[in-house]
PDB file of N, CA and C in Angstrom:
ATOM      1  N   UNK A   1     171.763 173.828  27.872  1.00  0.00           N
ATOM      2  CA  UNK A   1     173.161 173.677  28.300  1.00  0.00           C
ATOM      3  C   UNK A   1     173.774 172.410  27.721  1.00  0.00           C
ATOM      4  N   UNK A   2     173.010 171.314  27.769  1.00  0.00           N
ATOM      5  CA  UNK A   2     173.503 170.032  27.230  1.00  0.00           C
ATOM      6  C   UNK A   2     173.863 170.177  25.763  1.00  0.00           C
ATOM      7  N   UNK A   3     173.003 170.876  25.021  1.00  0.00           N
ATOM      8  CA  UNK A   3     173.217 171.071  23.584  1.00  0.00           C
ATOM      9  C   UNK A   3     174.497 171.882  23.327  1.00  0.00           C
ATOM     10  N   UNK A   4     174.734 172.906  24.118  1.00  0.00           N
ATOM     11  CA  UNK A   4     175.936 173.731  23.950  1.00  0.00           C
ATOM     12  C   UNK A   4     177.189 172.903  24.202  1.00  0.00           C
ATOM     13  N   UNK A   5     177.164 172.095  25.250  1.00  0.00           N
ATOM     14  CA  UNK A   5     178.317 171.236  25.557  1.00  0.00           C
ATOM     15  C   UNK A   5     178.575 170.258  24.410  1.00  0.00           C
ATOM     16  N   UNK A   6     177.513 169.670  23.861  1.00  0.00           N
ATOM     17  CA  UNK A   6     177.674 168.739  22.741  1.00  0.00           C
ATOM     18  C   UNK A   6     178.238 169.442  21.509  1.00  0.00           C
ATOM     19  N   UNK A   7     177.750 170.643  21.205  1.00  0.00           N
ATOM     20  CA  UNK A   7     178.226 171.381  20.040  1.00  0.00           C
ATOM     21  C   UNK A   7     179.700 171.753  20.188  1.00  0.00           C
ATOM     22  N   UNK A   8     180.065 172.280  21.356  1.00  0.00           N
ATOM     23  CA  UNK A   8     181.465 172.663  21.593  1.00  0.00           C
ATOM     24  C   UNK A   8     182.372 171.433  21.519  1.00  0.00           C
ATOM     25  N   UNK A   9     181.948 170.342  22.132  1.00  0.00           N
ATOM     26  CA  UNK A   9     182.734 169.103  22.094  1.00  0.00           C
ATOM     27  C   UNK A   9     182.881 168.597  20.670  1.00  0.00           C
ATOM     28  N   UNK A  10     181.793 168.586  19.920  1.00  0.00           N
ATOM     29  CA  UNK A  10     181.834 168.111  18.532  1.00  0.00           C
ATOM     30  C   UNK A  10     182.759 168.974  17.685  1.00  0.00           C
ATOM     31  N   UNK A  11     182.652 170.286  17.790  1.00  0.00           N
ATOM     32  CA  UNK A  11     183.507 171.181  16.997  1.00  0.00           C
ATOM     33  C   UNK A  11     184.973 170.991  17.357  1.00  0.00           C
ATOM     34  N   UNK A  12     185.282 170.949  18.645  1.00  0.00           N
ATOM     35  CA  UNK A  12     186.679 170.763  19.072  1.00  0.00           C
ATOM     36  C   UNK A  12     187.221 169.418  18.584  1.00  0.00           C
ATOM     37  N   UNK A  13     186.393 168.371  18.670  1.00  0.00           N
ATOM     38  CA  UNK A  13     186.849 167.054  18.241  1.00  0.00           C
ATOM     39  C   UNK A  13     186.982 166.978  16.727  1.00  0.00           C
ATOM     40  N   UNK A  14     186.107 167.663  15.990  1.00  0.00           N
ATOM     41  CA  UNK A  14     186.230 167.716  14.524  1.00  0.00           C
ATOM     42  C   UNK A  14     187.525 168.398  14.105  1.00  0.00           C
ATOM     43  N   UNK A  15     187.896 169.470  14.796  1.00  0.00           N
ATOM     44  CA  UNK A  15     189.159 170.154  14.498  1.00  0.00           C
ATOM     45  C   UNK A  15     190.336 169.223  14.766  1.00  0.00           C
ATOM     46  N   UNK A  16     190.327 168.576  15.922  1.00  0.00           N
ATOM     47  CA  UNK A  16     191.409 167.647  16.268  1.00  0.00           C
ATOM     48  C   UNK A  16     191.486 166.495  15.258  1.00  0.00           C
ATOM     49  N   UNK A  17     190.348 165.937  14.894  1.00  0.00           N
ATOM     50  CA  UNK A  17     190.312 164.825  13.945  1.00  0.00           C
ATOM     51  C   UNK A  17     190.819 165.264  12.579  1.00  0.00           C
ATOM     52  N   UNK A  18     190.408 166.438  12.136  1.00  0.00           N
ATOM     53  CA  UNK A  18     190.873 166.964  10.844  1.00  0.00           C
ATOM     54  C   UNK A  18     192.386 167.116  10.840  1.00  0.00           C
ATOM     55  N   UNK A  19     192.932 167.673  11.893  1.00  0.00           N
ATOM     56  CA  UNK A  19     194.388 167.835  11.977  1.00  0.00           C
ATOM     57  C   UNK A  19     195.099 166.480  11.974  1.00  0.00           C
ATOM     58  N   UNK A  20     194.557 165.518  12.712  1.00  0.00           N
ATOM     59  CA  UNK A  20     195.170 164.189  12.759  1.00  0.00           C
ATOM     60  C   UNK A  20     195.119 163.508  11.396  1.00  0.00           C
ATOM     61  N   UNK A  21     193.990 163.615  10.706  1.00  0.00           N
ATOM     62  CA  UNK A  21     193.865 162.992   9.383  1.00  0.00           C
ATOM     63  C   UNK A  21     194.794 163.677   8.382  1.00  0.00           C
ATOM     64  N   UNK A  22     194.896 164.992   8.452  1.00  0.00           N
ATOM     65  CA  UNK A  22     195.799 165.701   7.547  1.00  0.00           C
ATOM     66  C   UNK A  22     197.259 165.315   7.789  1.00  0.00           C
ATOM     67  N   UNK A  23     197.610 165.115   9.041  1.00  0.00           N
ATOM     68  CA  UNK A  23     198.995 164.777   9.370  1.00  0.00           C
ATOM     69  C   UNK A  23     199.320 163.309   9.120  1.00  0.00           C
ATOM     70  N   UNK A  24     198.389 162.392   9.442  1.00  0.00           N
ATOM     71  CA  UNK A  24     198.696 160.967   9.397  1.00  0.00           C
ATOM     72  C   UNK A  24     197.892 160.173   8.384  1.00  0.00           C
ATOM     73  N   UNK A  25     196.790 160.735   7.866  1.00  0.00           N
ATOM     74  CA  UNK A  25     195.884 159.978   7.010  1.00  0.00           C
ATOM     75  C   UNK A  25     194.923 159.168   7.867  1.00  0.00           C
ATOM     76  N   UNK A  26     193.807 158.746   7.254  1.00  0.00           N
ATOM     77  CA  UNK A  26     192.776 158.023   8.019  1.00  0.00           C
ATOM     78  C   UNK A  26     193.340 156.726   8.603  1.00  0.00           C
ATOM     79  N   UNK A  27     194.014 155.933   7.785  1.00  0.00           N
ATOM     80  CA  UNK A  27     194.588 154.671   8.280  1.00  0.00           C
ATOM     81  C   UNK A  27     195.728 154.934   9.259  1.00  0.00           C
ATOM     82  N   UNK A  28     196.442 156.020   9.048  1.00  0.00           N
ATOM     83  CA  UNK A  28     197.566 156.354   9.917  1.00  0.00           C
ATOM     84  C   UNK A  28     197.165 156.610  11.356  1.00  0.00           C
ATOM     85  N   UNK A  29     195.952 157.099  11.549  1.00  0.00           N
ATOM     86  CA  UNK A  29     195.468 157.329  12.913  1.00  0.00           C
ATOM     87  C   UNK A  29     195.440 156.009  13.676  1.00  0.00           C
ATOM     88  N   UNK A  30     194.989 154.964  13.020  1.00  0.00           N
ATOM     89  CA  UNK A  30     194.908 153.657  13.681  1.00  0.00           C
ATOM     90  C   UNK A  30     196.286 153.019  13.825  1.00  0.00           C
ATOM     91  N   UNK A  31     197.134 153.205  12.838  1.00  0.00           N
ATOM     92  CA  UNK A  31     198.466 152.601  12.891  1.00  0.00           C
ATOM     93  C   UNK A  31     199.276 153.139  14.077  1.00  0.00           C
ATOM     94  N   UNK A  32     199.055 154.405  14.415  1.00  0.00           N
ATOM     95  CA  UNK A  32     199.747 154.993  15.565  1.00  0.00           C
ATOM     96  C   UNK A  32     199.424 154.236  16.858  1.00  0.00           C
ATOM     97  N   UNK A  33     198.236 153.679  16.934  1.00  0.00           N
ATOM     98  CA  UNK A  33     197.811 153.005  18.160  1.00  0.00           C
ATOM     99  C   UNK A  33     198.488 151.645  18.358  1.00  0.00           C
ATOM    100  N   UNK A  34     199.071 151.130  17.307  1.00  0.00           N
ATOM    101  CA  UNK A  34     199.736 149.824  17.399  1.00  0.00           C
ATOM    102  C   UNK A  34     201.245 149.953  17.604  1.00  0.00           C
ATOM    103  N   UNK A  35     201.713 151.160  17.896  1.00  0.00           N
ATOM    104  CA  UNK A  35     203.134 151.394  18.124  1.00  0.00           C
ATOM    105  C   UNK A  35     203.568 150.987  19.535  1.00  0.00           C
ATOM    106  N   UNK A  36     202.596 150.903  20.448  1.00  0.00           N
ATOM    107  CA  UNK A  36     202.929 150.549  21.835  1.00  0.00           C
ATOM    108  C   UNK A  36     201.705 149.921  22.504  1.00  0.00           C
ATOM    109  N   UNK A  37     201.938 149.293  23.634  1.00  0.00           N
ATOM    110  CA  UNK A  37     200.826 148.746  24.405  1.00  0.00           C
ATOM    111  C   UNK A  37     199.923 149.868  24.910  1.00  0.00           C
ATOM    112  N   UNK A  38     200.497 151.018  25.223  1.00  0.00           N
ATOM    113  CA  UNK A  38     199.696 152.155  25.671  1.00  0.00           C
ATOM    114  C   UNK A  38     198.738 152.614  24.581  1.00  0.00           C
ATOM    115  N   UNK A  39     199.220 152.702  23.359  1.00  0.00           N
ATOM    116  CA  UNK A  39     198.366 153.080  22.242  1.00  0.00           C
ATOM    117  C   UNK A  39     197.287 152.053  21.984  1.00  0.00           C
ATOM    118  N   UNK A  40     197.658 150.778  22.070  1.00  0.00           N
ATOM    119  CA  UNK A  40     196.684 149.701  21.863  1.00  0.00           C
ATOM    120  C   UNK A  40     195.616 149.741  22.950  1.00  0.00           C
ATOM    121  N   UNK A  41     196.013 150.058  24.178  1.00  0.00           N
ATOM    122  CA  UNK A  41     195.052 150.139  25.273  1.00  0.00           C
ATOM    123  C   UNK A  41     194.040 151.245  25.001  1.00  0.00           C
ATOM    124  N   UNK A  42     194.497 152.391  24.509  1.00  0.00           N
ATOM    125  CA  UNK A  42     193.589 153.500  24.196  1.00  0.00           C
ATOM    126  C   UNK A  42     192.621 153.097  23.082  1.00  0.00           C
ATOM    127  N   UNK A  43     193.109 152.406  22.061  1.00  0.00           N
ATOM    128  CA  UNK A  43     192.252 151.957  20.964  1.00  0.00           C
ATOM    129  C   UNK A  43     191.206 150.951  21.447  1.00  0.00           C
ATOM    130  N   UNK A  44     191.630 149.992  22.254  1.00  0.00           N
ATOM    131  CA  UNK A  44     190.691 148.996  22.781  1.00  0.00           C
ATOM    132  C   UNK A  44     189.660 149.675  23.686  1.00  0.00           C
ATOM    133  N   UNK A  45     190.094 150.643  24.487  1.00  0.00           N
ATOM    134  CA  UNK A  45     189.180 151.388  25.342  1.00  0.00           C
ATOM    135  C   UNK A  45     188.130 152.110  24.494  1.00  0.00           C
ATOM    136  N   UNK A  46     188.548 152.713  23.390  1.00  0.00           N
ATOM    137  CA  UNK A  46     187.620 153.388  22.482  1.00  0.00           C
ATOM    138  C   UNK A  46     186.634 152.399  21.871  1.00  0.00           C
ATOM    139  N   UNK A  47     187.117 151.241  21.476  1.00  0.00           N
ATOM    140  CA  UNK A  47     186.232 150.220  20.900  1.00  0.00           C
ATOM    141  C   UNK A  47     185.194 149.778  21.926  1.00  0.00           C
ATOM    142  N   UNK A  48     185.620 149.561  23.161  1.00  0.00           N
ATOM    143  CA  UNK A  48     184.678 149.155  24.218  1.00  0.00           C
ATOM    144  C   UNK A  48     183.636 150.250  24.445  1.00  0.00           C
ATOM    145  N   UNK A  49     184.075 151.493  24.574  1.00  0.00           N
ATOM    146  CA  UNK A  49     183.151 152.601  24.837  1.00  0.00           C
ATOM    147  C   UNK A  49     182.164 152.788  23.682  1.00  0.00           C
ATOM    148  N   UNK A  50     182.653 152.733  22.452  1.00  0.00           N
ATOM    149  CA  UNK A  50     181.758 152.907  21.308  1.00  0.00           C
ATOM    150  C   UNK A  50     180.814 151.723  21.143  1.00  0.00           C
ATOM    151  N   UNK A  51     181.261 150.536  21.493  1.00  0.00           N
ATOM    152  CA  UNK A  51     180.371 149.373  21.441  1.00  0.00           C
ATOM    153  C   UNK A  51     179.228 149.539  22.437  1.00  0.00           C
ATOM    154  N   UNK A  52     179.551 149.989  23.651  1.00  0.00           N
ATOM    155  CA  UNK A  52     178.507 150.248  24.642  1.00  0.00           C
ATOM    156  C   UNK A  52     177.554 151.341  24.160  1.00  0.00           C
ATOM    157  N   UNK A  53     178.110 152.393  23.539  1.00  0.00           N
ATOM    158  CA  UNK A  53     177.254 153.445  22.993  1.00  0.00           C
ATOM    159  C   UNK A  53     176.360 152.899  21.888  1.00  0.00           C
ATOM    160  N   UNK A  54     176.920 152.089  21.000  1.00  0.00           N
ATOM    161  CA  UNK A  54     176.125 151.539  19.897  1.00  0.00           C
ATOM    162  C   UNK A  54     174.971 150.682  20.408  1.00  0.00           C
ATOM    163  N   UNK A  55     175.196 149.918  21.455  1.00  0.00           N
ATOM    164  CA  UNK A  55     174.120 149.107  22.044  1.00  0.00           C
ATOM    165  C   UNK A  55     173.033 150.023  22.598  1.00  0.00           C
ATOM    166  N   UNK A  56     173.440 151.049  23.346  1.00  0.00           N
ATOM    167  CA  UNK A  56     172.466 151.993  23.893  1.00  0.00           C
ATOM    168  C   UNK A  56     171.730 152.713  22.766  1.00  0.00           C
ATOM    169  N   UNK A  57     172.478 153.201  21.778  1.00  0.00           N
ATOM    170  CA  UNK A  57     171.888 153.953  20.677  1.00  0.00           C
ATOM    171  C   UNK A  57     170.912 153.092  19.880  1.00  0.00           C
ATOM    172  N   UNK A  58     171.249 151.840  19.638  1.00  0.00           N
ATOM    173  CA  UNK A  58     170.363 150.918  18.915  1.00  0.00           C
ATOM    174  C   UNK A  58     169.018 150.817  19.644  1.00  0.00           C
ATOM    175  N   UNK A  59     169.086 150.564  20.956  1.00  0.00           N
ATOM    176  CA  UNK A  59     167.871 150.446  21.754  1.00  0.00           C
ATOM    177  C   UNK A  59     167.097 151.765  21.809  1.00  0.00           C
ATOM    178  N   UNK A  60     167.799 152.875  21.947  1.00  0.00           N
ATOM    179  CA  UNK A  60     167.159 154.185  22.000  1.00  0.00           C
ATOM    180  C   UNK A  60     166.470 154.512  20.677  1.00  0.00           C
ATOM    181  N   UNK A  61     167.142 154.282  19.570  1.00  0.00           N
ATOM    182  CA  UNK A  61     166.558 154.566  18.256  1.00  0.00           C
ATOM    183  C   UNK A  61     165.337 153.694  18.007  1.00  0.00           C
ATOM    184  N   UNK A  62     165.442 152.415  18.325  1.00  0.00           N
ATOM    185  CA  UNK A  62     164.306 151.505  18.142  1.00  0.00           C
ATOM    186  C   UNK A  62     163.117 151.944  19.006  1.00  0.00           C
ATOM    187  N   UNK A  63     163.369 152.322  20.252  1.00  0.00           N
ATOM    188  CA  UNK A  63     162.293 152.748  21.147  1.00  0.00           C
ATOM    189  C   UNK A  63     161.600 154.010  20.637  1.00  0.00           C
ATOM    190  N   UNK A  64     162.347 154.846  19.907  1.00  0.00           N
ATOM    191  CA  UNK A  64     161.780 156.081  19.369  1.00  0.00           C
ATOM    192  C   UNK A  64     161.230 155.892  17.960  1.00  0.00           C
ATOM    193  N   UNK A  65     161.314 154.676  17.429  1.00  0.00           N
ATOM    194  CA  UNK A  65     160.802 154.406  16.091  1.00  0.00           C
ATOM    195  C   UNK A  65     161.709 154.891  14.976  1.00  0.00           C
ATOM    196  N   UNK A  66     162.993 155.055  15.284  1.00  0.00           N
ATOM    197  CA  UNK A  66     163.967 155.492  14.273  1.00  0.00           C
ATOM    198  C   UNK A  66     164.778 154.301  13.793  1.00  0.00           C
ATOM    199  N   UNK A  67     165.275 154.387  12.564  1.00  0.00           N
ATOM    200  CA  UNK A  67     166.155 153.364  12.015  1.00  0.00           C
ATOM    201  C   UNK A  67     167.566 153.593  12.567  1.00  0.00           C
ATOM    202  N   UNK A  68     168.116 152.653  13.320  1.00  0.00           N
ATOM    203  CA  UNK A  68     169.442 152.865  13.901  1.00  0.00           C
ATOM    204  C   UNK A  68     170.603 152.616  12.937  1.00  0.00           C
ATOM    205  N   UNK A  69     170.353 151.937  11.820  1.00  0.00           N
ATOM    206  CA  UNK A  69     171.458 151.541  10.946  1.00  0.00           C
ATOM    207  C   UNK A  69     172.301 152.699  10.412  1.00  0.00           C
ATOM    208  N   UNK A  70     171.715 153.802   9.954  1.00  0.00           N
ATOM    209  CA  UNK A  70     172.587 154.901   9.499  1.00  0.00           C
ATOM    210  C   UNK A  70     173.521 155.398  10.597  1.00  0.00           C
ATOM    211  N   UNK A  71     173.033 155.412  11.826  1.00  0.00           N
ATOM    212  CA  UNK A  71     173.842 155.873  12.951  1.00  0.00           C
ATOM    213  C   UNK A  71     174.921 154.865  13.318  1.00  0.00           C
ATOM    214  N   UNK A  72     174.605 153.586  13.163  1.00  0.00           N
ATOM    215  CA  UNK A  72     175.610 152.547  13.392  1.00  0.00           C
ATOM    216  C   UNK A  72     176.753 152.711  12.384  1.00  0.00           C
ATOM    217  N   UNK A  73     176.405 152.865  11.115  1.00  0.00           N
ATOM    218  CA  UNK A  73     177.431 153.013  10.075  1.00  0.00           C
ATOM    219  C   UNK A  73     178.241 154.296  10.268  1.00  0.00           C
ATOM    220  N   UNK A  74     177.556 155.386  10.620  1.00  0.00           N
ATOM    221  CA  UNK A  74     178.250 156.653  10.855  1.00  0.00           C
ATOM    222  C   UNK A  74     179.240 156.528  12.011  1.00  0.00           C
ATOM    223  N   UNK A  75     178.815 155.870  13.086  1.00  0.00           N
ATOM    224  CA  UNK A  75     179.688 155.705  14.250  1.00  0.00           C
ATOM    225  C   UNK A  75     180.836 154.750  13.942  1.00  0.00           C
ATOM    226  N   UNK A  76     180.573 153.689  13.183  1.00  0.00           N
ATOM    227  CA  UNK A  76     181.658 152.776  12.806  1.00  0.00           C
ATOM    228  C   UNK A  76     182.680 153.468  11.909  1.00  0.00           C
ATOM    229  N   UNK A  77     182.228 154.373  11.055  1.00  0.00           N
ATOM    230  CA  UNK A  77     183.136 155.069  10.136  1.00  0.00           C
ATOM    231  C   UNK A  77     183.867 156.232  10.797  1.00  0.00           C
ATOM    232  N   UNK A  78     183.176 156.953  11.682  1.00  0.00           N
ATOM    233  CA  UNK A  78     183.742 158.185  12.233  1.00  0.00           C
ATOM    234  C   UNK A  78     183.957 158.161  13.742  1.00  0.00           C
ATOM    235  N   UNK A  79     183.650 157.032  14.368  1.00  0.00           N
ATOM    236  CA  UNK A  79     183.883 156.907  15.807  1.00  0.00           C
ATOM    237  C   UNK A  79     183.016 157.852  16.617  1.00  0.00           C
ATOM    238  N   UNK A  80     183.617 158.546  17.543  1.00  0.00           N
ATOM    239  CA  UNK A  80     182.892 159.407  18.467  1.00  0.00           C
ATOM    240  C   UNK A  80     182.146 160.531  17.770  1.00  0.00           C
ATOM    241  N   UNK A  81     182.560 160.900  16.579  1.00  0.00           N
ATOM    242  CA  UNK A  81     181.856 161.949  15.837  1.00  0.00           C
ATOM    243  C   UNK A  81     180.420 161.506  15.562  1.00  0.00           C
ATOM    244  N   UNK A  82     180.239 160.262  15.129  1.00  0.00           N
ATOM    245  CA  UNK A  82     178.892 159.745  14.900  1.00  0.00           C
ATOM    246  C   UNK A  82     178.072 159.727  16.165  1.00  0.00           C
ATOM    247  N   UNK A  83     178.690 159.321  17.265  1.00  0.00           N
ATOM    248  CA  UNK A  83     177.987 159.284  18.547  1.00  0.00           C
ATOM    249  C   UNK A  83     177.583 160.684  18.990  1.00  0.00           C
ATOM    250  N   UNK A  84     178.473 161.651  18.853  1.00  0.00           N
ATOM    251  CA  UNK A  84     178.158 163.019  19.256  1.00  0.00           C
ATOM    252  C   UNK A  84     177.042 163.608  18.398  1.00  0.00           C
ATOM    253  N   UNK A  85     177.062 163.330  17.106  1.00  0.00           N
ATOM    254  CA  UNK A  85     176.001 163.839  16.230  1.00  0.00           C
ATOM    255  C   UNK A  85     174.659 163.225  16.614  1.00  0.00           C
ATOM    256  N   UNK A  86     174.637 161.929  16.895  1.00  0.00           N
ATOM    257  CA  UNK A  86     173.389 161.290  17.328  1.00  0.00           C
ATOM    258  C   UNK A  86     172.853 161.976  18.580  1.00  0.00           C
ATOM    259  N   UNK A  87     173.710 162.191  19.569  1.00  0.00           N
ATOM    260  CA  UNK A  87     173.282 162.818  20.807  1.00  0.00           C
ATOM    261  C   UNK A  87     172.806 164.249  20.572  1.00  0.00           C
ATOM    262  N   UNK A  88     173.401 164.935  19.597  1.00  0.00           N
ATOM    263  CA  UNK A  88     173.019 166.301  19.279  1.00  0.00           C
ATOM    264  C   UNK A  88     171.690 166.377  18.545  1.00  0.00           C
ATOM    265  N   UNK A  89     171.450 165.435  17.653  1.00  0.00           N
ATOM    266  CA  UNK A  89     170.275 165.475  16.792  1.00  0.00           C
ATOM    267  C   UNK A  89     169.023 165.002  17.511  1.00  0.00           C
ATOM    268  N   UNK A  90     169.143 163.948  18.320  1.00  0.00           N
ATOM    269  CA  UNK A  90     167.955 163.329  18.924  1.00  0.00           C
ATOM    270  C   UNK A  90     167.964 163.436  20.432  1.00  0.00           C
ATOM    271  N   UNK A  91     166.768 163.626  20.984  1.00  0.00           N
ATOM    272  CA  UNK A  91     166.578 163.424  22.413  1.00  0.00           C
ATOM    273  C   UNK A  91     166.393 161.937  22.623  1.00  0.00           C
ATOM    274  N   UNK A  92     166.804 161.447  23.754  1.00  0.00           N
ATOM    275  CA  UNK A  92     166.622 160.041  24.063  1.00  0.00           C
ATOM    276  C   UNK A  92     165.136 159.710  24.102  1.00  0.00           C
ATOM    277  N   UNK A  93     164.788 158.532  23.628  1.00  0.00           N
ATOM    278  CA  UNK A  93     163.392 158.081  23.670  1.00  0.00           C
ATOM    279  C   UNK A  93     162.917 157.950  25.107  1.00  0.00           C
ATOM    280  N   UNK A  94     163.835 157.860  26.056  1.00  0.00           N
ATOM    281  CA  UNK A  94     163.479 157.668  27.460  1.00  0.00           C
ATOM    282  C   UNK A  94     163.359 158.981  28.234  1.00  0.00           C
ATOM    283  N   UNK A  95     163.599 160.104  27.554  1.00  0.00           N
ATOM    284  CA  UNK A  95     163.503 161.411  28.244  1.00  0.00           C
ATOM    285  C   UNK A  95     162.089 161.905  28.247  1.00  0.00           C
TER     286      UNK A  95
END
């Protein structure tokens, strides 16, 4: 069940991201967030959430004997897409 939820979420988010990039461009997605305090708040919230995920993912990958750096770079480049792929590909070392 967890895997199905991750796959559906990833596919839906990939579609949304593709549409946003096609409409605004990669840099344009970020520029939209600086149009108002509300947009900036959403961007900062995303940065906080992804930073917490990156800390968890780093520790999880190390505990499982995996190199976390590719996942760090993927998440920094693609945001939640990288995080969702990590969760889809690997079971937590603590499970």
